[in-house]
Amino acid sequence: MTRVLLFGASGFIGGHVRAALAEDPRVGEVLTPGRAQHDLIAGDVDALTALLRRTAPDVIVSCVGALGGTATDLLEGNTLVAAKLLEAAAEAAPRARLVRMGSAGEYGVVAPGRSVHEDDALVPVGAYGVSHVAGTRLFTIADGLDAVTLRVFNPIGPGMSEETLLGRAAARIRAALRDGVDEIQLGPLGAYRDFVDVRDLASLVGTIVLAAHVPSRVYNAGSGRAVTAREAVALLAAEAGWTGTIREAGSGPSRSATVGWIRADISRARDELGWTPMRELELTIKDVWNAGERR
């Protein structure tokens, strides 16, 4: 039975990963140290090494990272976390498999209509992408360790935060319905994005956790489909039954504002691991809305 040490289980991605692992009978135990027990970002390597010695995991999964903040914040949350995991594992759990969440932001600007492959050039457009490129590179060159990075595209699903586009759109549509308002405002919605259901992402994590052998160090975690953010928000409004106007103003997040198109080539995960995403965007949008209604 596989013993998993999961960091970030209280977050959006980590929570779904925890649920997927807990449901799999091949997983014997899922340990989820909270920040009080060990903070991957603020904690030091010695404390992490001691934790790995105490828990003796077969697999270590990190769903911890930084989406925003200063360049220092991003490097600490994404690059240094990867470095700490590798250093501690080499000392205390050298046979454990390590799995971290990277980002589609590592690719940077992509030619419209093209799917990005794991071996494509990495030309990130800001500190966020740079911080993940560095973290992924550390995992890729880690000699003697079984280290895997998932380049996560745009994860969506039940429990999304209002810090995300669709989470924010759902909250504003819900408020508009409540208050009888016929207009909401969001940022620019013309960019094409690859929205992957977080439950499909969690399934890929589970596949890697339990695989006898993982052939590659990096896998794209996307849907293989690109739609505009505008189309995704329109699907959400239709699911809500709201027919008002969505006004676009301001600017998008700095980590991806200059990237007008992104779509994952997911053939490596399919061919090497037998994984394919199962949920269509329309179903995921429905579940996003219904989850908010239940809350």
C-alpha atoms as a PDB file:
ATOM      1  CA  MET A   1       0.000   0.000   0.000  1.00  0.00           C
ATOM      2  CA  THR A   2       1.323   3.403  -0.990  1.00  0.00           C
ATOM      3  CA  ARG A   3       1.982   5.984   1.703  1.00  0.00           C
ATOM      4  CA  VAL A   4       1.624   9.564   0.428  1.00  0.00           C
ATOM      5  CA  LEU A   5       2.774  12.792   2.048  1.00  0.00           C
ATOM      6  CA  LEU A   6       0.653  15.580   0.545  1.00  0.00           C
ATOM      7  CA  PHE A   7       1.495  19.254   1.021  1.00  0.00           C
ATOM      8  CA  GLY A   8      -1.156  21.874   0.293  1.00  0.00           C
ATOM      9  CA  ALA A   9      -4.162  19.643   0.969  1.00  0.00           C
ATOM     10  CA  SER A  10      -6.233  22.608   2.168  1.00  0.00           C
ATOM     11  CA  GLY A  11      -5.937  24.391  -1.188  1.00  0.00           C
ATOM     12  CA  PHE A  12      -8.073  24.120  -4.319  1.00  0.00           C
ATOM     13  CA  ILE A  13      -5.880  21.647  -6.191  1.00  0.00           C
ATOM     14  CA  GLY A  14      -4.582  19.920  -3.073  1.00  0.00           C
ATOM     15  CA  GLY A  15      -8.077  19.321  -1.730  1.00  0.00           C
ATOM     16  CA  HIS A  16      -9.138  17.522  -4.886  1.00  0.00           C
ATOM     17  CA  VAL A  17      -5.885  15.542  -4.968  1.00  0.00           C
ATOM     18  CA  ARG A  18      -6.482  14.490  -1.384  1.00  0.00           C
ATOM     19  CA  ALA A  19     -10.020  13.322  -2.211  1.00  0.00           C
ATOM     20  CA  ALA A  20      -8.864  11.363  -5.263  1.00  0.00           C
ATOM     21  CA  LEU A  21      -6.091   9.610  -3.334  1.00  0.00           C
ATOM     22  CA  ALA A  22      -8.353   8.847  -0.382  1.00  0.00           C
ATOM     23  CA  GLU A  23     -10.835   7.098  -2.690  1.00  0.00           C
ATOM     24  CA  ASP A  24      -8.206   4.819  -4.255  1.00  0.00           C
ATOM     25  CA  PRO A  25      -7.882   1.493  -2.395  1.00  0.00           C
ATOM     26  CA  ARG A  26      -4.263   1.178  -3.544  1.00  0.00           C
ATOM     27  CA  VAL A  27      -3.331   4.191  -1.403  1.00  0.00           C
ATOM     28  CA  GLY A  28      -2.769   3.070   2.140  1.00  0.00           C
ATOM     29  CA  GLU A  29      -2.410   6.435   3.852  1.00  0.00           C
ATOM     30  CA  VAL A  30      -2.475  10.113   2.895  1.00  0.00           C
ATOM     31  CA  LEU A  31      -0.616  12.291   5.372  1.00  0.00           C
ATOM     32  CA  THR A  32      -1.463  15.994   5.123  1.00  0.00           C
ATOM     33  CA  PRO A  33       0.777  18.164   7.281  1.00  0.00           C
ATOM     34  CA  GLY A  34      -0.705  21.628   7.662  1.00  0.00           C
ATOM     35  CA  ARG A  35       1.289  24.825   7.987  1.00  0.00           C
ATOM     36  CA  ALA A  36       1.371  24.430  11.750  1.00  0.00           C
ATOM     37  CA  GLN A  37       3.261  21.164  11.316  1.00  0.00           C
ATOM     38  CA  HIS A  38       5.438  22.334   8.440  1.00  0.00           C
ATOM     39  CA  ASP A  39       5.189  25.367   6.141  1.00  0.00           C
ATOM     40  CA  LEU A  40       6.925  24.450   2.888  1.00  0.00           C
ATOM     41  CA  ILE A  41       7.422  28.091   1.917  1.00  0.00           C
ATOM     42  CA  ALA A  42       8.597  29.502   5.235  1.00  0.00           C
ATOM     43  CA  GLY A  43      10.084  26.370   6.778  1.00  0.00           C
ATOM     44  CA  ASP A  44      13.699  25.309   6.501  1.00  0.00           C
ATOM     45  CA  VAL A  45      15.258  22.210   4.987  1.00  0.00           C
ATOM     46  CA  ASP A  46      16.277  20.690   8.324  1.00  0.00           C
ATOM     47  CA  ALA A  47      12.691  20.672   9.589  1.00  0.00           C
ATOM     48  CA  LEU A  48      11.457  19.223   6.308  1.00  0.00           C
ATOM     49  CA  THR A  49      14.127  16.533   6.411  1.00  0.00           C
ATOM     50  CA  ALA A  50      13.060  15.591   9.930  1.00  0.00           C
ATOM     51  CA  LEU A  51       9.421  15.370   8.808  1.00  0.00           C
ATOM     52  CA  LEU A  52      10.337  13.053   5.944  1.00  0.00           C
ATOM     53  CA  ARG A  53      12.292  10.820   8.317  1.00  0.00           C
ATOM     54  CA  ARG A  54       9.321  10.595  10.689  1.00  0.00           C
ATOM     55  CA  THR A  55       6.723   9.881   8.017  1.00  0.00           C
ATOM     56  CA  ALA A  56       8.763   7.702   5.614  1.00  0.00           C
ATOM     57  CA  PRO A  57       6.546   8.362   2.579  1.00  0.00           C
ATOM     58  CA  ASP A  58       6.591   6.381  -0.657  1.00  0.00           C
ATOM     59  CA  VAL A  59       5.464   9.477  -2.566  1.00  0.00           C
ATOM     60  CA  ILE A  60       5.676  13.186  -1.768  1.00  0.00           C
ATOM     61  CA  VAL A  61       3.191  15.462  -3.543  1.00  0.00           C
ATOM     62  CA  SER A  62       3.450  19.243  -3.393  1.00  0.00           C
ATOM     63  CA  CYS A  63       0.426  21.347  -4.321  1.00  0.00           C
ATOM     64  CA  VAL A  64       2.055  24.375  -2.681  1.00  0.00           C
ATOM     65  CA  GLY A  65       3.022  27.435  -4.683  1.00  0.00           C
ATOM     66  CA  ALA A  66       2.660  31.165  -5.216  1.00  0.00           C
ATOM     67  CA  LEU A  67       0.425  32.733  -7.867  1.00  0.00           C
ATOM     68  CA  GLY A  68       1.243  36.367  -7.187  1.00  0.00           C
ATOM     69  CA  GLY A  69       3.317  38.781  -5.176  1.00  0.00           C
ATOM     70  CA  THR A  70       6.796  40.124  -5.687  1.00  0.00           C
ATOM     71  CA  ALA A  71       9.492  38.322  -7.648  1.00  0.00           C
ATOM     72  CA  THR A  72      10.946  37.248  -4.311  1.00  0.00           C
ATOM     73  CA  ASP A  73       7.569  35.840  -3.208  1.00  0.00           C
ATOM     74  CA  LEU A  74       7.274  33.864  -6.432  1.00  0.00           C
ATOM     75  CA  LEU A  75      10.794  32.475  -6.249  1.00  0.00           C
ATOM     76  CA  GLU A  76      10.289  31.462  -2.624  1.00  0.00           C
ATOM     77  CA  GLY A  77       6.906  29.863  -3.312  1.00  0.00           C
ATOM     78  CA  ASN A  78       7.776  28.031  -6.516  1.00  0.00           C
ATOM     79  CA  THR A  79      11.536  27.685  -7.007  1.00  0.00           C
ATOM     80  CA  LEU A  80      12.788  27.374  -3.448  1.00  0.00           C
ATOM     81  CA  VAL A  81       9.999  25.003  -2.458  1.00  0.00           C
ATOM     82  CA  ALA A  82      11.175  22.676  -5.231  1.00  0.00           C
ATOM     83  CA  ALA A  83      14.786  23.000  -4.069  1.00  0.00           C
ATOM     84  CA  LYS A  84      13.882  22.252  -0.445  1.00  0.00           C
ATOM     85  CA  LEU A  85      11.891  19.162  -1.408  1.00  0.00           C
ATOM     86  CA  LEU A  86      14.757  17.782  -3.451  1.00  0.00           C
ATOM     87  CA  GLU A  87      17.364  18.472  -0.785  1.00  0.00           C
ATOM     88  CA  ALA A  88      15.302  16.981   2.032  1.00  0.00           C
ATOM     89  CA  ALA A  89      14.257  13.944  -0.010  1.00  0.00           C
ATOM     90  CA  ALA A  90      17.848  13.213  -1.036  1.00  0.00           C
ATOM     91  CA  GLU A  91      18.760  13.103   2.644  1.00  0.00           C
ATOM     92  CA  ALA A  92      15.747  11.428   4.239  1.00  0.00           C
ATOM     93  CA  ALA A  93      13.626   9.737   1.534  1.00  0.00           C
ATOM     94  CA  PRO A  94      15.806   9.050  -1.518  1.00  0.00           C
ATOM     95  CA  ARG A  95      13.521   6.279  -2.796  1.00  0.00           C
ATOM     96  CA  ALA A  96      10.341   8.355  -2.618  1.00  0.00           C
ATOM     97  CA  ARG A  97       8.750   9.729  -5.774  1.00  0.00           C
ATOM     98  CA  LEU A  98       8.345  13.514  -5.748  1.00  0.00           C
ATOM     99  CA  VAL A  99       5.506  15.215  -7.624  1.00  0.00           C
ATOM    100  CA  ARG A 100       5.124  19.002  -7.906  1.00  0.00           C
ATOM    101  CA  MET A 101       2.714  21.306  -9.678  1.00  0.00           C
ATOM    102  CA  GLY A 102       4.356  23.446 -12.345  1.00  0.00           C
ATOM    103  CA  SER A 103       2.578  25.825 -14.700  1.00  0.00           C
ATOM    104  CA  ALA A 104       1.657  26.437 -18.321  1.00  0.00           C
ATOM    105  CA  GLY A 105       3.143  29.870 -17.645  1.00  0.00           C
ATOM    106  CA  GLU A 106       6.534  28.262 -18.208  1.00  0.00           C
ATOM    107  CA  TYR A 107       5.921  28.297 -21.974  1.00  0.00           C
ATOM    108  CA  GLY A 108       5.216  31.996 -22.449  1.00  0.00           C
ATOM    109  CA  VAL A 109       3.845  33.260 -25.776  1.00  0.00           C
ATOM    110  CA  VAL A 110       2.646  30.503 -28.112  1.00  0.00           C
ATOM    111  CA  ALA A 111       1.718  30.759 -31.795  1.00  0.00           C
ATOM    112  CA  PRO A 112      -2.104  30.760 -32.157  1.00  0.00           C
ATOM    113  CA  GLY A 113      -3.519  27.388 -33.126  1.00  0.00           C
ATOM    114  CA  ARG A 114      -0.524  25.439 -31.878  1.00  0.00           C
ATOM    115  CA  SER A 115      -0.496  22.958 -28.988  1.00  0.00           C
ATOM    116  CA  VAL A 116       2.530  23.209 -26.718  1.00  0.00           C
ATOM    117  CA  HIS A 117       4.558  20.067 -26.051  1.00  0.00           C
ATOM    118  CA  GLU A 118       6.683  19.403 -22.979  1.00  0.00           C
ATOM    119  CA  ASP A 119       9.864  19.643 -25.060  1.00  0.00           C
ATOM    120  CA  ASP A 120       9.033  23.061 -26.535  1.00  0.00           C
ATOM    121  CA  ALA A 121      11.125  26.109 -25.741  1.00  0.00           C
ATOM    122  CA  LEU A 122      10.346  27.854 -22.449  1.00  0.00           C
ATOM    123  CA  VAL A 123      10.137  31.637 -22.776  1.00  0.00           C
ATOM    124  CA  PRO A 124       8.108  32.861 -19.773  1.00  0.00           C
ATOM    125  CA  VAL A 125       6.799  36.421 -19.870  1.00  0.00           C
ATOM    126  CA  GLY A 126       7.202  37.300 -16.186  1.00  0.00           C
ATOM    127  CA  ALA A 127       8.575  36.350 -12.803  1.00  0.00           C
ATOM    128  CA  TYR A 128       5.783  33.828 -12.205  1.00  0.00           C
ATOM    129  CA  GLY A 129       6.705  31.748 -15.233  1.00  0.00           C
ATOM    130  CA  VAL A 130      10.425  32.128 -14.517  1.00  0.00           C
ATOM    131  CA  SER A 131       9.946  30.851 -10.972  1.00  0.00           C
ATOM    132  CA  HIS A 132       8.210  27.726 -12.247  1.00  0.00           C
ATOM    133  CA  VAL A 133      10.723  27.139 -15.030  1.00  0.00           C
ATOM    134  CA  ALA A 134      13.457  27.135 -12.392  1.00  0.00           C
ATOM    135  CA  GLY A 135      11.510  24.768 -10.128  1.00  0.00           C
ATOM    136  CA  THR A 136      10.796  22.404 -13.000  1.00  0.00           C
ATOM    137  CA  ARG A 137      14.410  22.502 -14.134  1.00  0.00           C
ATOM    138  CA  LEU A 138      15.603  21.562 -10.656  1.00  0.00           C
ATOM    139  CA  PHE A 139      13.271  18.557 -10.685  1.00  0.00           C
ATOM    140  CA  THR A 140      14.390  17.605 -14.192  1.00  0.00           C
ATOM    141  CA  ILE A 141      18.102  17.502 -13.365  1.00  0.00           C
ATOM    142  CA  ALA A 142      17.748  15.863  -9.941  1.00  0.00           C
ATOM    143  CA  ASP A 143      20.125  12.915 -10.247  1.00  0.00           C
ATOM    144  CA  GLY A 144      19.202   9.830  -8.293  1.00  0.00           C
ATOM    145  CA  LEU A 145      15.691  11.026  -7.445  1.00  0.00           C
ATOM    146  CA  ASP A 146      12.340  10.110  -8.984  1.00  0.00           C
ATOM    147  CA  ALA A 147      11.035  13.653  -9.508  1.00  0.00           C
ATOM    148  CA  VAL A 148       8.070  14.629 -11.706  1.00  0.00           C
ATOM    149  CA  THR A 149       6.535  18.004 -12.573  1.00  0.00           C
ATOM    150  CA  LEU A 150       3.013  18.530 -13.906  1.00  0.00           C
ATOM    151  CA  ARG A 151       2.710  21.688 -15.994  1.00  0.00           C
ATOM    152  CA  VAL A 152      -0.803  22.662 -14.944  1.00  0.00           C
ATOM    153  CA  PHE A 153      -2.795  24.750 -17.403  1.00  0.00           C
ATOM    154  CA  ASN A 154      -5.974  26.514 -16.144  1.00  0.00           C
ATOM    155  CA  PRO A 155      -7.528  24.333 -13.435  1.00  0.00           C
ATOM    156  CA  ILE A 156     -11.233  24.895 -12.818  1.00  0.00           C
ATOM    157  CA  GLY A 157     -13.878  23.048 -10.856  1.00  0.00           C
ATOM    158  CA  PRO A 158     -15.950  22.998  -7.679  1.00  0.00           C
ATOM    159  CA  GLY A 159     -14.482  25.095  -4.898  1.00  0.00           C
ATOM    160  CA  MET A 160     -12.732  27.653  -7.092  1.00  0.00           C
ATOM    161  CA  SER A 161     -11.509  30.788  -5.357  1.00  0.00           C
ATOM    162  CA  GLU A 162     -12.747  34.240  -6.307  1.00  0.00           C
ATOM    163  CA  GLU A 163      -9.101  35.023  -7.044  1.00  0.00           C
ATOM    164  CA  THR A 164      -9.549  33.057 -10.284  1.00  0.00           C
ATOM    165  CA  LEU A 165     -11.404  34.380 -13.329  1.00  0.00           C
ATOM    166  CA  LEU A 166     -14.287  31.910 -13.269  1.00  0.00           C
ATOM    167  CA  GLY A 167     -14.547  31.997  -9.488  1.00  0.00           C
ATOM    168  CA  ARG A 168     -14.784  35.784  -9.639  1.00  0.00           C
ATOM    169  CA  ALA A 169     -17.267  35.662 -12.518  1.00  0.00           C
ATOM    170  CA  ALA A 170     -19.490  33.213 -10.622  1.00  0.00           C
ATOM    171  CA  ALA A 171     -19.494  35.433  -7.544  1.00  0.00           C
ATOM    172  CA  ARG A 172     -20.423  38.524  -9.563  1.00  0.00           C
ATOM    173  CA  ILE A 173     -23.152  36.747 -11.498  1.00  0.00           C
ATOM    174  CA  ARG A 174     -24.570  35.408  -8.253  1.00  0.00           C
ATOM    175  CA  ALA A 175     -24.563  38.906  -6.762  1.00  0.00           C
ATOM    176  CA  ALA A 176     -26.196  40.290  -9.922  1.00  0.00           C
ATOM    177  CA  LEU A 177     -28.978  37.716  -9.696  1.00  0.00           C
ATOM    178  CA  ARG A 178     -29.509  38.518  -6.026  1.00  0.00           C
ATOM    179  CA  ASP A 179     -29.568  42.281  -6.523  1.00  0.00           C
ATOM    180  CA  GLY A 180     -31.381  42.377  -9.849  1.00  0.00           C
ATOM    181  CA  VAL A 181     -28.383  43.917 -11.639  1.00  0.00           C
ATOM    182  CA  ASP A 182     -28.131  43.521 -15.428  1.00  0.00           C
ATOM    183  CA  GLU A 183     -24.408  44.237 -15.863  1.00  0.00           C
ATOM    184  CA  ILE A 184     -21.154  43.018 -14.368  1.00  0.00           C
ATOM    185  CA  GLN A 185     -17.552  43.939 -15.123  1.00  0.00           C
ATOM    186  CA  LEU A 186     -14.579  41.649 -15.588  1.00  0.00           C
ATOM    187  CA  GLY A 187     -11.139  42.016 -17.132  1.00  0.00           C
ATOM    188  CA  PRO A 188     -10.371  41.268 -20.790  1.00  0.00           C
ATOM    189  CA  LEU A 189     -11.821  37.920 -21.893  1.00  0.00           C
ATOM    190  CA  GLY A 190     -10.415  37.502 -25.389  1.00  0.00           C
ATOM    191  CA  ALA A 191      -7.473  35.239 -24.545  1.00  0.00           C
ATOM    192  CA  TYR A 192      -7.665  31.538 -25.398  1.00  0.00           C
ATOM    193  CA  ARG A 193      -7.063  29.255 -22.453  1.00  0.00           C
ATOM    194  CA  ASP A 194      -6.895  25.517 -21.850  1.00  0.00           C
ATOM    195  CA  PHE A 195      -9.280  24.912 -18.941  1.00  0.00           C
ATOM    196  CA  VAL A 196      -8.727  21.556 -17.256  1.00  0.00           C
ATOM    197  CA  ASP A 197     -11.101  20.125 -14.682  1.00  0.00           C
ATOM    198  CA  VAL A 198      -9.294  19.987 -11.332  1.00  0.00           C
ATOM    199  CA  ARG A 199     -10.689  16.486 -10.795  1.00  0.00           C
ATOM    200  CA  ASP A 200      -9.022  15.328 -14.008  1.00  0.00           C
ATOM    201  CA  LEU A 201      -5.808  16.934 -12.783  1.00  0.00           C
ATOM    202  CA  ALA A 202      -6.191  15.060  -9.489  1.00  0.00           C
ATOM    203  CA  SER A 203      -6.668  11.847 -11.457  1.00  0.00           C
ATOM    204  CA  LEU A 204      -3.361  12.459 -13.264  1.00  0.00           C
ATOM    205  CA  VAL A 205      -1.632  13.040  -9.931  1.00  0.00           C
ATOM    206  CA  GLY A 206      -3.068   9.753  -8.684  1.00  0.00           C
ATOM    207  CA  THR A 207      -1.901   7.952 -11.808  1.00  0.00           C
ATOM    208  CA  ILE A 208       1.652   9.210 -11.269  1.00  0.00           C
ATOM    209  CA  VAL A 209       1.558   8.440  -7.552  1.00  0.00           C
ATOM    210  CA  LEU A 210       0.668   4.809  -8.221  1.00  0.00           C
ATOM    211  CA  ALA A 211       2.584   4.117 -11.438  1.00  0.00           C
ATOM    212  CA  ALA A 212       5.295   1.476 -11.153  1.00  0.00           C
ATOM    213  CA  HIS A 213       7.451   3.569 -13.476  1.00  0.00           C
ATOM    214  CA  VAL A 214       7.082   7.131 -14.750  1.00  0.00           C
ATOM    215  CA  PRO A 215       9.034   7.472 -18.016  1.00  0.00           C
ATOM    216  CA  SER A 216       9.295  11.281 -18.175  1.00  0.00           C
ATOM    217  CA  ARG A 217      10.112  14.095 -15.785  1.00  0.00           C
ATOM    218  CA  VAL A 218       7.525  16.572 -17.110  1.00  0.00           C
ATOM    219  CA  TYR A 219       3.884  16.153 -18.174  1.00  0.00           C
ATOM    220  CA  ASN A 220       1.358  18.681 -19.421  1.00  0.00           C
ATOM    221  CA  ALA A 221      -1.841  18.668 -17.380  1.00  0.00           C
ATOM    222  CA  GLY A 222      -4.477  20.230 -19.602  1.00  0.00           C
ATOM    223  CA  SER A 223      -7.606  19.382 -21.531  1.00  0.00           C
ATOM    224  CA  GLY A 224      -6.141  19.659 -25.019  1.00  0.00           C
ATOM    225  CA  ARG A 225      -8.840  22.201 -25.904  1.00  0.00           C
ATOM    226  CA  ALA A 226      -8.586  25.987 -26.075  1.00  0.00           C
ATOM    227  CA  VAL A 227     -11.534  28.356 -25.716  1.00  0.00           C
ATOM    228  CA  THR A 228     -11.694  32.057 -25.004  1.00  0.00           C
ATOM    229  CA  ALA A 229     -12.245  33.155 -21.450  1.00  0.00           C
ATOM    230  CA  ARG A 230     -15.273  34.954 -22.885  1.00  0.00           C
ATOM    231  CA  GLU A 231     -16.802  31.649 -23.991  1.00  0.00           C
ATOM    232  CA  ALA A 232     -16.185  30.083 -20.578  1.00  0.00           C
ATOM    233  CA  VAL A 233     -17.822  33.008 -18.771  1.00  0.00           C
ATOM    234  CA  ALA A 234     -20.760  32.895 -21.209  1.00  0.00           C
ATOM    235  CA  LEU A 235     -21.270  29.216 -20.401  1.00  0.00           C
ATOM    236  CA  LEU A 236     -21.268  30.112 -16.714  1.00  0.00           C
ATOM    237  CA  ALA A 237     -23.847  32.884 -17.220  1.00  0.00           C
ATOM    238  CA  ALA A 238     -26.057  30.535 -19.235  1.00  0.00           C
ATOM    239  CA  GLU A 239     -25.854  27.881 -16.521  1.00  0.00           C
ATOM    240  CA  ALA A 240     -26.855  30.516 -13.970  1.00  0.00           C
ATOM    241  CA  GLY A 241     -29.749  31.700 -16.120  1.00  0.00           C
ATOM    242  CA  TRP A 242     -28.417  35.268 -16.082  1.00  0.00           C
ATOM    243  CA  THR A 243     -28.825  37.226 -19.333  1.00  0.00           C
ATOM    244  CA  GLY A 244     -27.186  40.523 -18.413  1.00  0.00           C
ATOM    245  CA  THR A 245     -24.225  42.276 -20.017  1.00  0.00           C
ATOM    246  CA  ILE A 246     -20.611  41.321 -19.250  1.00  0.00           C
ATOM    247  CA  ARG A 247     -18.431  44.387 -19.670  1.00  0.00           C
ATOM    248  CA  GLU A 248     -14.693  43.911 -20.170  1.00  0.00           C
ATOM    249  CA  ALA A 249     -12.322  46.527 -18.782  1.00  0.00           C
ATOM    250  CA  GLY A 250      -8.906  46.868 -17.188  1.00  0.00           C
ATOM    251  CA  SER A 251      -6.119  44.352 -17.645  1.00  0.00           C
ATOM    252  CA  GLY A 252      -5.585  40.660 -17.021  1.00  0.00           C
ATOM    253  CA  PRO A 253      -3.203  39.079 -14.493  1.00  0.00           C
ATOM    254  CA  SER A 254       0.409  40.068 -15.078  1.00  0.00           C
ATOM    255  CA  ARG A 255       1.550  36.434 -15.134  1.00  0.00           C
ATOM    256  CA  SER A 256      -0.316  35.788 -18.408  1.00  0.00           C
ATOM    257  CA  ALA A 257      -1.661  39.082 -19.794  1.00  0.00           C
ATOM    258  CA  THR A 258       0.546  38.974 -22.900  1.00  0.00           C
ATOM    259  CA  VAL A 259      -0.264  35.335 -23.701  1.00  0.00           C
ATOM    260  CA  GLY A 260      -3.191  35.366 -26.106  1.00  0.00           C
ATOM    261  CA  TRP A 261      -3.275  31.643 -26.823  1.00  0.00           C
ATOM    262  CA  ILE A 262      -2.332  28.478 -24.952  1.00  0.00           C
ATOM    263  CA  ARG A 263      -3.345  24.861 -25.480  1.00  0.00           C
ATOM    264  CA  ALA A 264      -1.729  21.733 -24.117  1.00  0.00           C
ATOM    265  CA  ASP A 265      -0.444  18.818 -26.118  1.00  0.00           C
ATOM    266  CA  ILE A 266      -1.441  16.035 -23.723  1.00  0.00           C
ATOM    267  CA  SER A 267      -0.217  13.119 -25.837  1.00  0.00           C
ATOM    268  CA  ARG A 268       2.716  12.318 -23.530  1.00  0.00           C
ATOM    269  CA  ALA A 269       0.485  11.651 -20.519  1.00  0.00           C
ATOM    270  CA  ARG A 270      -1.870   9.644 -22.729  1.00  0.00           C
ATOM    271  CA  ASP A 271       0.802   7.540 -24.399  1.00  0.00           C
ATOM    272  CA  GLU A 272       3.053   6.963 -21.368  1.00  0.00           C
ATOM    273  CA  LEU A 273       0.566   6.869 -18.506  1.00  0.00           C
ATOM    274  CA  GLY A 274      -2.774   6.052 -20.125  1.00  0.00           C
ATOM    275  CA  TRP A 275      -4.340   9.265 -18.790  1.00  0.00           C
ATOM    276  CA  THR A 276      -6.897  11.386 -20.604  1.00  0.00           C
ATOM    277  CA  PRO A 277      -9.177  14.076 -19.164  1.00  0.00           C
ATOM    278  CA  MET A 278     -12.741  12.807 -18.785  1.00  0.00           C
ATOM    279  CA  ARG A 279     -14.836  15.934 -18.167  1.00  0.00           C
ATOM    280  CA  GLU A 280     -16.004  18.342 -20.853  1.00  0.00           C
ATOM    281  CA  LEU A 281     -15.837  22.064 -20.173  1.00  0.00           C
ATOM    282  CA  GLU A 282     -19.619  22.397 -20.156  1.00  0.00           C
ATOM    283  CA  LEU A 283     -19.979  19.814 -17.371  1.00  0.00           C
ATOM    284  CA  THR A 284     -17.221  21.438 -15.326  1.00  0.00           C
ATOM    285  CA  ILE A 285     -18.856  24.866 -15.650  1.00  0.00           C
ATOM    286  CA  LYS A 286     -22.143  23.353 -14.473  1.00  0.00           C
ATOM    287  CA  ASP A 287     -20.411  21.862 -11.446  1.00  0.00           C
ATOM    288  CA  VAL A 288     -18.632  25.156 -10.674  1.00  0.00           C
ATOM    289  CA  TRP A 289     -21.964  26.962 -10.564  1.00  0.00           C
ATOM    290  CA  ASN A 290     -23.818  24.273  -8.607  1.00  0.00           C
ATOM    291  CA  ALA A 291     -21.024  24.034  -6.009  1.00  0.00           C
ATOM    292  CA  GLY A 292     -21.303  27.776  -5.378  1.00  0.00           C
ATOM    293  CA  GLU A 293     -25.065  27.514  -5.065  1.00  0.00           C
ATOM    294  CA  ARG A 294     -24.710  24.795  -2.429  1.00  0.00           C
ATOM    295  CA  ARG A 295     -22.333  26.993  -0.431  1.00  0.00           C
END
